[in-house]
Amino acid sequence: MGNLGLPEILVILAILILIFGTSRIPELGRGLGEGIRNFKKSLKGTEDEKKL
């Protein structure tokens, strides 16, 4: 269950386009990227606090 090939990725992208439309996909990607970035910052913050 971890092997995603090209056909599977294309099906997932087609479903995303049908659900959200082409104009909302960049917004979703941007929001996901910001969420990941904030999560990484919070992990670094807890590691820095443990060292102090």
C-alpha atoms as a PDB file:
ATOM      1  CA  MET A   1       0.000   0.000   0.000  1.00  0.00           C
ATOM      2  CA  GLY A   2       2.744   2.563  -0.482  1.00  0.00           C
ATOM      3  CA  ASN A   3       3.410   2.278  -4.159  1.00  0.00           C
ATOM      4  CA  LEU A   4       1.717   5.044  -6.091  1.00  0.00           C
ATOM      5  CA  GLY A   5       2.364   4.889  -9.780  1.00  0.00           C
ATOM      6  CA  LEU A   6       1.568   7.406 -12.486  1.00  0.00           C
ATOM      7  CA  PRO A   7      -1.991   6.151 -13.119  1.00  0.00           C
ATOM      8  CA  GLU A   8      -2.902   6.394  -9.433  1.00  0.00           C
ATOM      9  CA  ILE A   9      -1.492   9.910  -9.145  1.00  0.00           C
ATOM     10  CA  LEU A  10      -3.404  11.008 -12.257  1.00  0.00           C
ATOM     11  CA  VAL A  11      -6.657   9.641 -10.828  1.00  0.00           C
ATOM     12  CA  ILE A  12      -6.062  11.469  -7.540  1.00  0.00           C
ATOM     13  CA  LEU A  13      -5.338  14.721  -9.383  1.00  0.00           C
ATOM     14  CA  ALA A  14      -8.457  14.323 -11.534  1.00  0.00           C
ATOM     15  CA  ILE A  15     -10.595  13.828  -8.430  1.00  0.00           C
ATOM     16  CA  LEU A  16      -9.046  16.901  -6.788  1.00  0.00           C
ATOM     17  CA  ILE A  17      -9.769  18.993  -9.867  1.00  0.00           C
ATOM     18  CA  LEU A  18     -13.371  17.785  -9.952  1.00  0.00           C
ATOM     19  CA  ILE A  19     -13.921  18.497  -6.263  1.00  0.00           C
ATOM     20  CA  PHE A  20     -12.088  21.805  -5.822  1.00  0.00           C
ATOM     21  CA  GLY A  21     -11.754  23.207  -9.327  1.00  0.00           C
ATOM     22  CA  THR A  22      -8.618  24.551 -10.934  1.00  0.00           C
ATOM     23  CA  SER A  23      -8.652  27.910  -9.163  1.00  0.00           C
ATOM     24  CA  ARG A  24      -8.592  26.495  -5.611  1.00  0.00           C
ATOM     25  CA  ILE A  25      -5.782  23.958  -6.047  1.00  0.00           C
ATOM     26  CA  PRO A  26      -2.930  26.534  -5.746  1.00  0.00           C
ATOM     27  CA  GLU A  27      -4.566  27.886  -2.586  1.00  0.00           C
ATOM     28  CA  LEU A  28      -4.740  24.388  -1.114  1.00  0.00           C
ATOM     29  CA  GLY A  29      -1.099  23.736  -1.973  1.00  0.00           C
ATOM     30  CA  ARG A  30      -0.033  27.013  -0.430  1.00  0.00           C
ATOM     31  CA  GLY A  31      -1.984  26.300   2.741  1.00  0.00           C
ATOM     32  CA  LEU A  32      -0.542  22.799   2.979  1.00  0.00           C
ATOM     33  CA  GLY A  33       2.980  24.163   2.535  1.00  0.00           C
ATOM     34  CA  GLU A  34       2.469  26.758   5.255  1.00  0.00           C
ATOM     35  CA  GLY A  35       1.098  24.104   7.595  1.00  0.00           C
ATOM     36  CA  ILE A  36       4.109  21.862   7.047  1.00  0.00           C
ATOM     37  CA  ARG A  37       6.469  24.813   7.513  1.00  0.00           C
ATOM     38  CA  ASN A  38       4.795  25.792  10.799  1.00  0.00           C
ATOM     39  CA  PHE A  39       4.910  22.188  11.990  1.00  0.00           C
ATOM     40  CA  LYS A  40       8.654  21.988  11.299  1.00  0.00           C
ATOM     41  CA  LYS A  41       9.216  25.297  13.109  1.00  0.00           C
ATOM     42  CA  SER A  42       7.323  24.034  16.139  1.00  0.00           C
ATOM     43  CA  LEU A  43       9.422  20.858  16.206  1.00  0.00           C
ATOM     44  CA  LYS A  44      12.619  22.889  16.057  1.00  0.00           C
ATOM     45  CA  GLY A  45      11.305  25.121  18.831  1.00  0.00           C
ATOM     46  CA  THR A  46      10.690  22.172  21.153  1.00  0.00           C
ATOM     47  CA  GLU A  47      14.156  20.760  20.422  1.00  0.00           C
ATOM     48  CA  ASP A  48      15.737  24.135  21.200  1.00  0.00           C
ATOM     49  CA  GLU A  49      13.779  24.372  24.462  1.00  0.00           C
ATOM     50  CA  LYS A  50      14.958  20.918  25.529  1.00  0.00           C
ATOM     51  CA  LYS A  51      18.605  21.930  25.009  1.00  0.00           C
ATOM     52  CA  LEU A  52      18.205  24.957  27.285  1.00  0.00           C
END
